Amino acid sequence: MLNRRQFIATSAASAAAALAPRALTQPAPVPFIDSHVHVWKTDPSFPFAAGVHPSPQDASAEMLLDLMHANNVSRTVCIQVIHYKWDNSYLASVLKRYPRDFHGVCRVNPEDPTAPDQLRQLTEEQGFSGVRLSPAAGPGGDWITGPLMPPLWRRCAQLKVPMTLLIPATRLPQIHPLIEANPDLQVVIDHMADTPLDHPEQLELLLALAQYPHIFVKISHMWSLSRQAYPYADAAVQVKRLYDVFGAKRLMAGTDWPISLPKQSYAQTVALYRDHFDFIPAQDHAQIFSKTVQQVWPFGI
């Protein structure tokens, strides 16, 4: 018969043996690299563009870092916010202070003939890793088919930095010639081109880009497109269609913080990707949540 000391020792060993297999089989958290946020700060050193009236609440890099740490987000791609228009100074200062945590995507004026040279300076001297263009759906966005686009896209390809597009789906056919002229250029379509869920013909315009191997899509803005409550089951159907056509290696997740805040918190957006994408096989989660981003914006992790 076991004495009390032997019984305790034996029970402890049995408990440890029983717990160990379960600990080993606990799934590790899926790593997450956020492909899309904006940062700004009210600071006279970095004035907002004339006529722009941003939110009175800051969305500084430091605020973002706190959110990242609290939600196990390892790295983030910061997109130059329109509040500063073509002045990328604040984001450049963020990249200089936090080179480990962030990549940055700049803006240049697409109607300025010197935009290719500005892009070279921003990438080679200020640490940016790409450029974002935002053609409007109306006549104000007709420059996307104009004579200044080929040299800008060509310079982007020469610099080996991605072209990021906030573009309405109706304009997607207009970029085919630019893609075909720069077949090795990585092109990232923001927010699923905001294709309305009730216009499947516009989704087809986005799916048509899958023929080009270096086109990537951010599966963001589910909150904006959906007509349902979180976690936006109707928008998930569209994400599933993109997954079926593009595959995991060309899709990436992004929170669009803080633009998404009226609809959901940063934590909710991260949880949306981590906990509500059951239609995507588990082996593809890490691809969409971190590996695809690193194909375009390598963080060296």
C-alpha atoms as a PDB file:
ATOM      1  CA  MET A   1       0.000   0.000   0.000  1.00  0.00           C
ATOM      2  CA  LEU A   2       1.284   3.449  -0.863  1.00  0.00           C
ATOM      3  CA  ASN A   3       1.993   5.835   1.973  1.00  0.00           C
ATOM      4  CA  ARG A   4       0.776   9.444   1.712  1.00  0.00           C
ATOM      5  CA  ARG A   5       4.056  10.786   0.279  1.00  0.00           C
ATOM      6  CA  GLN A   6       4.223   8.015  -2.352  1.00  0.00           C
ATOM      7  CA  PHE A   7       0.584   8.569  -3.261  1.00  0.00           C
ATOM      8  CA  ILE A   8       1.117  12.310  -3.817  1.00  0.00           C
ATOM      9  CA  ALA A   9       4.238  11.714  -5.901  1.00  0.00           C
ATOM     10  CA  THR A  10       2.549   9.042  -8.000  1.00  0.00           C
ATOM     11  CA  SER A  11      -0.563  11.183  -8.505  1.00  0.00           C
ATOM     12  CA  ALA A  12       1.525  14.189  -9.554  1.00  0.00           C
ATOM     13  CA  ALA A  13       3.458  12.127 -12.081  1.00  0.00           C
ATOM     14  CA  SER A  14       0.253  10.672 -13.499  1.00  0.00           C
ATOM     15  CA  ALA A  15      -1.313  14.111 -13.778  1.00  0.00           C
ATOM     16  CA  ALA A  16       1.773  15.471 -15.566  1.00  0.00           C
ATOM     17  CA  ALA A  17       1.749  12.552 -17.982  1.00  0.00           C
ATOM     18  CA  ALA A  18      -1.949  13.071 -18.672  1.00  0.00           C
ATOM     19  CA  LEU A  19      -1.568  16.790 -19.275  1.00  0.00           C
ATOM     20  CA  ALA A  20       1.553  16.666 -21.417  1.00  0.00           C
ATOM     21  CA  PRO A  21      -0.025  15.213 -24.594  1.00  0.00           C
ATOM     22  CA  ARG A  22      -2.831  17.764 -24.475  1.00  0.00           C
ATOM     23  CA  ALA A  23      -0.337  20.609 -24.093  1.00  0.00           C
ATOM     24  CA  LEU A  24       1.598  19.368 -27.076  1.00  0.00           C
ATOM     25  CA  THR A  25      -1.487  19.168 -29.249  1.00  0.00           C
ATOM     26  CA  GLN A  26      -2.795  22.658 -28.450  1.00  0.00           C
ATOM     27  CA  PRO A  27      -2.778  24.577 -31.755  1.00  0.00           C
ATOM     28  CA  ALA A  28      -0.357  27.470 -31.838  1.00  0.00           C
ATOM     29  CA  PRO A  29      -1.911  30.880 -32.553  1.00  0.00           C
ATOM     30  CA  VAL A  30      -1.977  31.641 -36.252  1.00  0.00           C
ATOM     31  CA  PRO A  31       0.609  34.379 -36.881  1.00  0.00           C
ATOM     32  CA  PHE A  32      -0.873  37.567 -38.255  1.00  0.00           C
ATOM     33  CA  ILE A  33       0.728  40.310 -40.338  1.00  0.00           C
ATOM     34  CA  ASP A  34      -1.659  43.154 -41.040  1.00  0.00           C
ATOM     35  CA  SER A  35      -1.488  44.236 -44.681  1.00  0.00           C
ATOM     36  CA  HIS A  36      -3.411  47.490 -44.338  1.00  0.00           C
ATOM     37  CA  VAL A  37      -3.617  50.257 -41.738  1.00  0.00           C
ATOM     38  CA  HIS A  38      -3.398  54.052 -41.727  1.00  0.00           C
ATOM     39  CA  VAL A  39      -1.603  56.206 -39.170  1.00  0.00           C
ATOM     40  CA  TRP A  40      -1.713  59.934 -38.507  1.00  0.00           C
ATOM     41  CA  LYS A  41      -1.048  62.345 -35.695  1.00  0.00           C
ATOM     42  CA  THR A  42      -2.000  65.949 -34.995  1.00  0.00           C
ATOM     43  CA  ASP A  43       1.439  67.528 -34.949  1.00  0.00           C
ATOM     44  CA  PRO A  44       2.561  70.896 -36.370  1.00  0.00           C
ATOM     45  CA  SER A  45       5.691  69.156 -37.629  1.00  0.00           C
ATOM     46  CA  PHE A  46       3.476  67.102 -39.951  1.00  0.00           C
ATOM     47  CA  PRO A  47       0.616  69.374 -41.090  1.00  0.00           C
ATOM     48  CA  PHE A  48      -2.431  67.906 -42.754  1.00  0.00           C
ATOM     49  CA  ALA A  49      -3.120  68.864 -46.358  1.00  0.00           C
ATOM     50  CA  ALA A  50      -5.093  72.030 -47.034  1.00  0.00           C
ATOM     51  CA  GLY A  51      -8.818  71.461 -47.049  1.00  0.00           C
ATOM     52  CA  VAL A  52      -8.584  68.070 -45.330  1.00  0.00           C
ATOM     53  CA  HIS A  53     -10.497  67.591 -42.106  1.00  0.00           C
ATOM     54  CA  PRO A  54      -9.413  64.319 -40.488  1.00  0.00           C
ATOM     55  CA  SER A  55     -10.899  62.823 -37.371  1.00  0.00           C
ATOM     56  CA  PRO A  56     -10.008  64.858 -34.276  1.00  0.00           C
ATOM     57  CA  GLN A  57      -8.761  61.647 -32.701  1.00  0.00           C
ATOM     58  CA  ASP A  58      -5.210  60.627 -33.527  1.00  0.00           C
ATOM     59  CA  ALA A  59      -4.283  57.219 -34.901  1.00  0.00           C
ATOM     60  CA  SER A  60      -0.593  57.327 -34.153  1.00  0.00           C
ATOM     61  CA  ALA A  61       2.013  54.662 -34.721  1.00  0.00           C
ATOM     62  CA  GLU A  62       2.384  54.281 -30.970  1.00  0.00           C
ATOM     63  CA  MET A  63      -1.344  53.647 -30.550  1.00  0.00           C
ATOM     64  CA  LEU A  64      -1.139  51.045 -33.286  1.00  0.00           C
ATOM     65  CA  LEU A  65       1.842  49.321 -31.697  1.00  0.00           C
ATOM     66  CA  ASP A  66      -0.086  48.971 -28.433  1.00  0.00           C
ATOM     67  CA  LEU A  67      -2.978  47.363 -30.309  1.00  0.00           C
ATOM     68  CA  MET A  68      -0.641  45.052 -32.188  1.00  0.00           C
ATOM     69  CA  HIS A  69       1.001  43.840 -29.001  1.00  0.00           C
ATOM     70  CA  ALA A  70      -2.360  43.321 -27.282  1.00  0.00           C
ATOM     71  CA  ASN A  71      -3.682  41.255 -30.218  1.00  0.00           C
ATOM     72  CA  ASN A  72      -0.555  39.272 -31.167  1.00  0.00           C
ATOM     73  CA  VAL A  73      -0.122  41.037 -34.499  1.00  0.00           C
ATOM     74  CA  SER A  74       3.553  40.743 -35.340  1.00  0.00           C
ATOM     75  CA  ARG A  75       4.060  43.258 -38.178  1.00  0.00           C
ATOM     76  CA  THR A  76       2.009  45.775 -40.159  1.00  0.00           C
ATOM     77  CA  VAL A  77       2.011  47.474 -43.554  1.00  0.00           C
ATOM     78  CA  CYS A  78       1.115  51.172 -43.188  1.00  0.00           C
ATOM     79  CA  ILE A  79      -0.593  52.864 -46.123  1.00  0.00           C
ATOM     80  CA  GLN A  80      -0.085  56.618 -46.493  1.00  0.00           C
ATOM     81  CA  VAL A  81      -3.345  58.238 -45.418  1.00  0.00           C
ATOM     82  CA  ILE A  82      -5.042  60.807 -47.654  1.00  0.00           C
ATOM     83  CA  HIS A  83      -5.033  63.346 -44.799  1.00  0.00           C
ATOM     84  CA  TYR A  84      -1.495  64.337 -45.826  1.00  0.00           C
ATOM     85  CA  LYS A  85      -2.179  63.957 -49.547  1.00  0.00           C
ATOM     86  CA  TRP A  86       1.255  63.699 -51.244  1.00  0.00           C
ATOM     87  CA  ASP A  87       3.313  64.632 -48.170  1.00  0.00           C
ATOM     88  CA  ASN A  88       4.625  61.323 -46.846  1.00  0.00           C
ATOM     89  CA  SER A  89       6.707  62.878 -44.047  1.00  0.00           C
ATOM     90  CA  TYR A  90       4.819  61.524 -41.049  1.00  0.00           C
ATOM     91  CA  LEU A  91       4.832  57.952 -42.306  1.00  0.00           C
ATOM     92  CA  ALA A  92       8.509  58.310 -43.254  1.00  0.00           C
ATOM     93  CA  SER A  93       9.237  59.287 -39.656  1.00  0.00           C
ATOM     94  CA  VAL A  94       7.331  56.213 -38.449  1.00  0.00           C
ATOM     95  CA  LEU A  95       9.363  53.928 -40.692  1.00  0.00           C
ATOM     96  CA  LYS A  96      12.577  55.474 -39.407  1.00  0.00           C
ATOM     97  CA  ARG A  97      11.581  55.014 -35.761  1.00  0.00           C
ATOM     98  CA  TYR A  98      10.107  51.523 -36.074  1.00  0.00           C
ATOM     99  CA  PRO A  99      11.834  49.743 -38.969  1.00  0.00           C
ATOM    100  CA  ARG A 100      11.286  46.312 -37.417  1.00  0.00           C
ATOM    101  CA  ASP A 101       7.530  46.705 -37.060  1.00  0.00           C
ATOM    102  CA  PHE A 102       6.364  48.440 -40.219  1.00  0.00           C
ATOM    103  CA  HIS A 103       6.598  48.631 -43.967  1.00  0.00           C
ATOM    104  CA  GLY A 104       5.232  51.765 -45.598  1.00  0.00           C
ATOM    105  CA  VAL A 105       3.390  52.433 -48.848  1.00  0.00           C
ATOM    106  CA  CYS A 106       3.612  56.021 -50.090  1.00  0.00           C
ATOM    107  CA  ARG A 107       1.408  58.200 -52.269  1.00  0.00           C
ATOM    108  CA  VAL A 108       2.505  60.259 -55.240  1.00  0.00           C
ATOM    109  CA  ASN A 109       0.442  62.564 -57.392  1.00  0.00           C
ATOM    110  CA  PRO A 110      -0.486  60.466 -60.450  1.00  0.00           C
ATOM    111  CA  GLU A 111      -1.006  63.618 -62.512  1.00  0.00           C
ATOM    112  CA  ASP A 112       2.502  64.931 -61.836  1.00  0.00           C
ATOM    113  CA  PRO A 113       5.047  64.028 -64.532  1.00  0.00           C
ATOM    114  CA  THR A 114       7.761  63.891 -61.850  1.00  0.00           C
ATOM    115  CA  ALA A 115       5.915  61.155 -59.914  1.00  0.00           C
ATOM    116  CA  PRO A 116       8.313  58.372 -61.059  1.00  0.00           C
ATOM    117  CA  ASP A 117      11.303  60.321 -59.735  1.00  0.00           C
ATOM    118  CA  GLN A 118       9.452  61.079 -56.499  1.00  0.00           C
ATOM    119  CA  LEU A 119       8.758  57.389 -56.105  1.00  0.00           C
ATOM    120  CA  ARG A 120      12.442  56.572 -56.565  1.00  0.00           C
ATOM    121  CA  GLN A 121      13.387  59.057 -53.862  1.00  0.00           C
ATOM    122  CA  LEU A 122      10.716  57.814 -51.462  1.00  0.00           C
ATOM    123  CA  THR A 123      11.781  54.197 -51.828  1.00  0.00           C
ATOM    124  CA  GLU A 124      15.552  54.578 -52.037  1.00  0.00           C
ATOM    125  CA  GLU A 125      15.996  57.416 -49.530  1.00  0.00           C
ATOM    126  CA  GLN A 126      13.016  57.291 -47.168  1.00  0.00           C
ATOM    127  CA  GLY A 127      12.415  53.581 -46.818  1.00  0.00           C
ATOM    128  CA  PHE A 128       9.052  53.139 -48.514  1.00  0.00           C
ATOM    129  CA  SER A 129       8.103  49.790 -50.005  1.00  0.00           C
ATOM    130  CA  GLY A 130       5.566  50.593 -52.653  1.00  0.00           C
ATOM    131  CA  VAL A 131       3.084  53.179 -53.863  1.00  0.00           C
ATOM    132  CA  ARG A 132      -0.681  53.480 -53.737  1.00  0.00           C
ATOM    133  CA  LEU A 133      -2.882  54.961 -56.451  1.00  0.00           C
ATOM    134  CA  SER A 134      -6.570  55.728 -55.967  1.00  0.00           C
ATOM    135  CA  PRO A 135      -8.451  56.417 -59.217  1.00  0.00           C
ATOM    136  CA  ALA A 136     -12.028  57.522 -58.568  1.00  0.00           C
ATOM    137  CA  ALA A 137     -14.913  55.921 -60.403  1.00  0.00           C
ATOM    138  CA  GLY A 138     -15.937  59.223 -62.013  1.00  0.00           C
ATOM    139  CA  PRO A 139     -14.135  61.418 -64.539  1.00  0.00           C
ATOM    140  CA  GLY A 140     -11.680  62.570 -61.859  1.00  0.00           C
ATOM    141  CA  GLY A 141     -10.056  59.145 -62.047  1.00  0.00           C
ATOM    142  CA  ASP A 142      -9.591  59.045 -65.811  1.00  0.00           C
ATOM    143  CA  TRP A 143      -5.855  59.600 -65.351  1.00  0.00           C
ATOM    144  CA  ILE A 144      -5.539  55.840 -64.808  1.00  0.00           C
ATOM    145  CA  THR A 145      -5.709  55.484 -68.610  1.00  0.00           C
ATOM    146  CA  GLY A 146      -3.617  58.567 -69.331  1.00  0.00           C
ATOM    147  CA  PRO A 147      -0.049  58.994 -70.648  1.00  0.00           C
ATOM    148  CA  LEU A 148       1.525  59.409 -67.192  1.00  0.00           C
ATOM    149  CA  MET A 149       0.651  55.897 -66.068  1.00  0.00           C
ATOM    150  CA  PRO A 150       3.065  53.805 -68.187  1.00  0.00           C
ATOM    151  CA  PRO A 151       6.219  55.587 -66.933  1.00  0.00           C
ATOM    152  CA  LEU A 152       5.053  55.405 -63.308  1.00  0.00           C
ATOM    153  CA  TRP A 153       4.229  51.710 -63.500  1.00  0.00           C
ATOM    154  CA  ARG A 154       7.490  51.048 -65.327  1.00  0.00           C
ATOM    155  CA  ARG A 155       9.459  52.834 -62.612  1.00  0.00           C
ATOM    156  CA  CYS A 156       7.641  50.800 -59.984  1.00  0.00           C
ATOM    157  CA  ALA A 157       8.697  47.624 -61.771  1.00  0.00           C
ATOM    158  CA  GLN A 158      12.292  48.835 -62.086  1.00  0.00           C
ATOM    159  CA  LEU A 159      12.421  49.615 -58.360  1.00  0.00           C
ATOM    160  CA  LYS A 160      10.897  46.193 -57.606  1.00  0.00           C
ATOM    161  CA  VAL A 161       8.271  47.649 -55.275  1.00  0.00           C
ATOM    162  CA  PRO A 162       4.575  46.741 -55.443  1.00  0.00           C
ATOM    163  CA  MET A 163       1.852  48.843 -56.987  1.00  0.00           C
ATOM    164  CA  THR A 164      -1.141  49.062 -54.635  1.00  0.00           C
ATOM    165  CA  LEU A 165      -4.513  50.136 -55.982  1.00  0.00           C
ATOM    166  CA  LEU A 166      -7.601  51.452 -54.260  1.00  0.00           C
ATOM    167  CA  ILE A 167      -9.702  51.095 -57.369  1.00  0.00           C
ATOM    168  CA  PRO A 168     -13.396  50.585 -58.114  1.00  0.00           C
ATOM    169  CA  ALA A 169     -14.182  47.311 -59.790  1.00  0.00           C
ATOM    170  CA  THR A 170     -15.568  49.095 -62.842  1.00  0.00           C
ATOM    171  CA  ARG A 171     -12.073  50.402 -63.629  1.00  0.00           C
ATOM    172  CA  LEU A 172     -10.303  47.053 -63.308  1.00  0.00           C
ATOM    173  CA  PRO A 173     -10.387  46.310 -67.068  1.00  0.00           C
ATOM    174  CA  GLN A 174      -8.437  49.541 -67.619  1.00  0.00           C
ATOM    175  CA  ILE A 175      -5.368  48.251 -65.783  1.00  0.00           C
ATOM    176  CA  HIS A 176      -4.923  45.099 -67.899  1.00  0.00           C
ATOM    177  CA  PRO A 177      -2.613  46.867 -70.381  1.00  0.00           C
ATOM    178  CA  LEU A 178      -0.477  48.240 -67.535  1.00  0.00           C
ATOM    179  CA  ILE A 179      -0.208  44.802 -65.953  1.00  0.00           C
ATOM    180  CA  GLU A 180       0.674  43.185 -69.261  1.00  0.00           C
ATOM    181  CA  ALA A 181       3.358  45.803 -69.931  1.00  0.00           C
ATOM    182  CA  ASN A 182       4.938  45.024 -66.538  1.00  0.00           C
ATOM    183  CA  PRO A 183       4.465  41.275 -66.134  1.00  0.00           C
ATOM    184  CA  ASP A 184       6.829  40.914 -63.159  1.00  0.00           C
ATOM    185  CA  LEU A 185       5.372  43.823 -61.169  1.00  0.00           C
ATOM    186  CA  GLN A 186       3.471  42.801 -58.052  1.00  0.00           C
ATOM    187  CA  VAL A 187       0.072  44.527 -58.010  1.00  0.00           C
ATOM    188  CA  VAL A 188      -2.110  44.532 -54.902  1.00  0.00           C
ATOM    189  CA  ILE A 189      -5.849  45.269 -55.134  1.00  0.00           C
ATOM    190  CA  ASP A 190      -7.123  46.855 -51.940  1.00  0.00           C
ATOM    191  CA  HIS A 191     -10.364  45.829 -50.223  1.00  0.00           C
ATOM    192  CA  MET A 192     -11.502  43.341 -52.875  1.00  0.00           C
ATOM    193  CA  ALA A 193     -11.961  46.410 -55.142  1.00  0.00           C
ATOM    194  CA  ASP A 194     -14.997  47.120 -52.921  1.00  0.00           C
ATOM    195  CA  THR A 195     -17.070  44.954 -55.242  1.00  0.00           C
ATOM    196  CA  PRO A 196     -20.717  45.229 -54.116  1.00  0.00           C
ATOM    197  CA  LEU A 197     -22.186  41.922 -53.012  1.00  0.00           C
ATOM    198  CA  ASP A 198     -25.301  42.510 -55.105  1.00  0.00           C
ATOM    199  CA  HIS A 199     -23.333  43.100 -58.313  1.00  0.00           C
ATOM    200  CA  PRO A 200     -21.724  39.755 -59.175  1.00  0.00           C
ATOM    201  CA  GLU A 201     -20.712  41.091 -62.573  1.00  0.00           C
ATOM    202  CA  GLN A 202     -18.282  43.430 -60.813  1.00  0.00           C
ATOM    203  CA  LEU A 203     -16.797  40.540 -58.852  1.00  0.00           C
ATOM    204  CA  GLU A 204     -16.167  38.838 -62.202  1.00  0.00           C
ATOM    205  CA  LEU A 205     -14.026  41.827 -63.206  1.00  0.00           C
ATOM    206  CA  LEU A 206     -11.865  41.219 -60.144  1.00  0.00           C
ATOM    207  CA  LEU A 207     -11.720  37.462 -60.687  1.00  0.00           C
ATOM    208  CA  ALA A 208     -10.535  38.090 -64.249  1.00  0.00           C
ATOM    209  CA  LEU A 209      -7.254  39.420 -62.821  1.00  0.00           C
ATOM    210  CA  ALA A 210      -6.389  35.942 -61.562  1.00  0.00           C
ATOM    211  CA  GLN A 211      -4.948  35.203 -65.005  1.00  0.00           C
ATOM    212  CA  TYR A 212      -1.971  37.361 -64.067  1.00  0.00           C
ATOM    213  CA  PRO A 213       0.309  35.529 -61.610  1.00  0.00           C
ATOM    214  CA  HIS A 214       1.546  38.623 -59.750  1.00  0.00           C
ATOM    215  CA  ILE A 215      -1.844  40.045 -58.778  1.00  0.00           C
ATOM    216  CA  PHE A 216      -2.744  39.930 -55.073  1.00  0.00           C
ATOM    217  CA  VAL A 217      -6.010  40.833 -53.345  1.00  0.00           C
ATOM    218  CA  LYS A 218      -6.625  42.136 -49.832  1.00  0.00           C
ATOM    219  CA  ILE A 219      -9.703  40.430 -48.393  1.00  0.00           C
ATOM    220  CA  SER A 220     -10.512  43.498 -46.319  1.00  0.00           C
ATOM    221  CA  HIS A 221     -13.576  45.759 -45.979  1.00  0.00           C
ATOM    222  CA  MET A 222     -15.943  42.894 -45.203  1.00  0.00           C
ATOM    223  CA  TRP A 223     -17.556  45.249 -42.688  1.00  0.00           C
ATOM    224  CA  SER A 224     -18.151  47.829 -45.424  1.00  0.00           C
ATOM    225  CA  LEU A 225     -19.579  45.449 -48.010  1.00  0.00           C
ATOM    226  CA  SER A 226     -21.778  43.347 -45.743  1.00  0.00           C
ATOM    227  CA  ARG A 227     -25.443  43.934 -45.029  1.00  0.00           C
ATOM    228  CA  GLN A 228     -25.356  41.545 -42.101  1.00  0.00           C
ATOM    229  CA  ALA A 229     -24.020  41.669 -38.572  1.00  0.00           C
ATOM    230  CA  TYR A 230     -20.507  40.627 -37.588  1.00  0.00           C
ATOM    231  CA  PRO A 231     -18.964  38.256 -38.709  1.00  0.00           C
ATOM    232  CA  TYR A 232     -20.520  39.196 -42.064  1.00  0.00           C
ATOM    233  CA  ALA A 233     -21.556  35.836 -43.481  1.00  0.00           C
ATOM    234  CA  ASP A 234     -22.689  37.376 -46.775  1.00  0.00           C
ATOM    235  CA  ALA A 235     -19.268  38.968 -47.380  1.00  0.00           C
ATOM    236  CA  ALA A 236     -17.601  35.691 -46.416  1.00  0.00           C
ATOM    237  CA  VAL A 237     -19.239  34.123 -49.477  1.00  0.00           C
ATOM    238  CA  GLN A 238     -17.355  36.615 -51.647  1.00  0.00           C
ATOM    239  CA  VAL A 239     -14.090  35.899 -49.838  1.00  0.00           C
ATOM    240  CA  LYS A 240     -14.662  32.191 -50.451  1.00  0.00           C
ATOM    241  CA  ARG A 241     -15.109  32.850 -54.174  1.00  0.00           C
ATOM    242  CA  LEU A 242     -11.835  34.795 -54.264  1.00  0.00           C
ATOM    243  CA  TYR A 243     -10.109  31.983 -52.399  1.00  0.00           C
ATOM    244  CA  ASP A 244     -11.393  29.431 -54.903  1.00  0.00           C
ATOM    245  CA  VAL A 245     -10.092  31.446 -57.867  1.00  0.00           C
ATOM    246  CA  PHE A 246      -6.919  33.153 -56.613  1.00  0.00           C
ATOM    247  CA  GLY A 247      -5.862  30.609 -54.012  1.00  0.00           C
ATOM    248  CA  ALA A 248      -4.371  31.328 -50.598  1.00  0.00           C
ATOM    249  CA  LYS A 249      -0.998  32.401 -51.987  1.00  0.00           C
ATOM    250  CA  ARG A 250      -2.484  35.537 -53.536  1.00  0.00           C
ATOM    251  CA  LEU A 251      -4.820  36.652 -50.764  1.00  0.00           C
ATOM    252  CA  MET A 252      -3.891  38.701 -47.688  1.00  0.00           C
ATOM    253  CA  ALA A 253      -5.794  40.031 -44.679  1.00  0.00           C
ATOM    254  CA  GLY A 254      -5.889  43.634 -43.489  1.00  0.00           C
ATOM    255  CA  THR A 255      -7.720  45.471 -40.716  1.00  0.00           C
ATOM    256  CA  ASP A 256      -7.943  48.944 -42.315  1.00  0.00           C
ATOM    257  CA  TRP A 257      -7.568  50.407 -38.830  1.00  0.00           C
ATOM    258  CA  PRO A 258      -8.745  52.999 -37.832  1.00  0.00           C
ATOM    259  CA  ILE A 259     -11.125  53.483 -40.786  1.00  0.00           C
ATOM    260  CA  SER A 260     -12.993  50.353 -39.663  1.00  0.00           C
ATOM    261  CA  LEU A 261     -13.597  51.635 -36.126  1.00  0.00           C
ATOM    262  CA  PRO A 262     -17.167  52.869 -36.609  1.00  0.00           C
ATOM    263  CA  LYS A 263     -18.160  49.263 -37.386  1.00  0.00           C
ATOM    264  CA  GLN A 264     -15.769  47.160 -35.311  1.00  0.00           C
ATOM    265  CA  SER A 265     -12.765  47.352 -33.028  1.00  0.00           C
ATOM    266  CA  TYR A 266      -9.238  46.390 -34.016  1.00  0.00           C
ATOM    267  CA  ALA A 267      -9.545  43.279 -31.832  1.00  0.00           C
ATOM    268  CA  GLN A 268     -12.781  42.281 -33.583  1.00  0.00           C
ATOM    269  CA  THR A 269     -11.181  42.650 -36.999  1.00  0.00           C
ATOM    270  CA  VAL A 270      -8.233  40.456 -36.044  1.00  0.00           C
ATOM    271  CA  ALA A 271     -10.627  37.915 -34.522  1.00  0.00           C
ATOM    272  CA  LEU A 272     -12.702  37.970 -37.710  1.00  0.00           C
ATOM    273  CA  TYR A 273      -9.769  36.551 -39.642  1.00  0.00           C
ATOM    274  CA  ARG A 274      -8.544  34.222 -36.912  1.00  0.00           C
ATOM    275  CA  ASP A 275     -11.839  32.730 -35.764  1.00  0.00           C
ATOM    276  CA  HIS A 276     -14.429  32.999 -38.543  1.00  0.00           C
ATOM    277  CA  PHE A 277     -12.785  31.707 -41.702  1.00  0.00           C
ATOM    278  CA  ASP A 278     -13.779  28.064 -41.283  1.00  0.00           C
ATOM    279  CA  PHE A 279     -14.389  27.744 -45.026  1.00  0.00           C
ATOM    280  CA  ILE A 280     -10.637  28.058 -45.592  1.00  0.00           C
ATOM    281  CA  PRO A 281      -8.600  24.925 -44.778  1.00  0.00           C
ATOM    282  CA  ALA A 282      -6.434  25.246 -41.684  1.00  0.00           C
ATOM    283  CA  GLN A 283      -3.225  24.771 -43.672  1.00  0.00           C
ATOM    284  CA  ASP A 284      -4.022  27.928 -45.655  1.00  0.00           C
ATOM    285  CA  HIS A 285      -4.700  30.180 -42.668  1.00  0.00           C
ATOM    286  CA  ALA A 286      -1.053  31.051 -42.074  1.00  0.00           C
ATOM    287  CA  GLN A 287      -0.618  31.691 -45.793  1.00  0.00           C
ATOM    288  CA  ILE A 288      -3.388  34.290 -45.909  1.00  0.00           C
ATOM    289  CA  PHE A 289      -2.657  35.778 -42.494  1.00  0.00           C
ATOM    290  CA  SER A 290       1.088  36.226 -42.867  1.00  0.00           C
ATOM    291  CA  LYS A 291       2.914  34.426 -45.669  1.00  0.00           C
ATOM    292  CA  THR A 292       1.270  36.185 -48.613  1.00  0.00           C
ATOM    293  CA  VAL A 293       2.016  39.577 -47.092  1.00  0.00           C
ATOM    294  CA  GLN A 294       5.642  38.561 -46.795  1.00  0.00           C
ATOM    295  CA  GLN A 295       5.758  37.630 -50.472  1.00  0.00           C
ATOM    296  CA  VAL A 296       4.992  41.247 -51.277  1.00  0.00           C
ATOM    297  CA  TRP A 297       6.457  43.036 -48.246  1.00  0.00           C
ATOM    298  CA  PRO A 298       9.182  40.795 -46.755  1.00  0.00           C
ATOM    299  CA  PHE A 299       9.728  41.367 -43.039  1.00  0.00           C
ATOM    300  CA  GLY A 300      12.497  38.816 -42.664  1.00  0.00           C
ATOM    301  CA  ILE A 301      10.649  36.676 -40.114  1.00  0.00           C
END
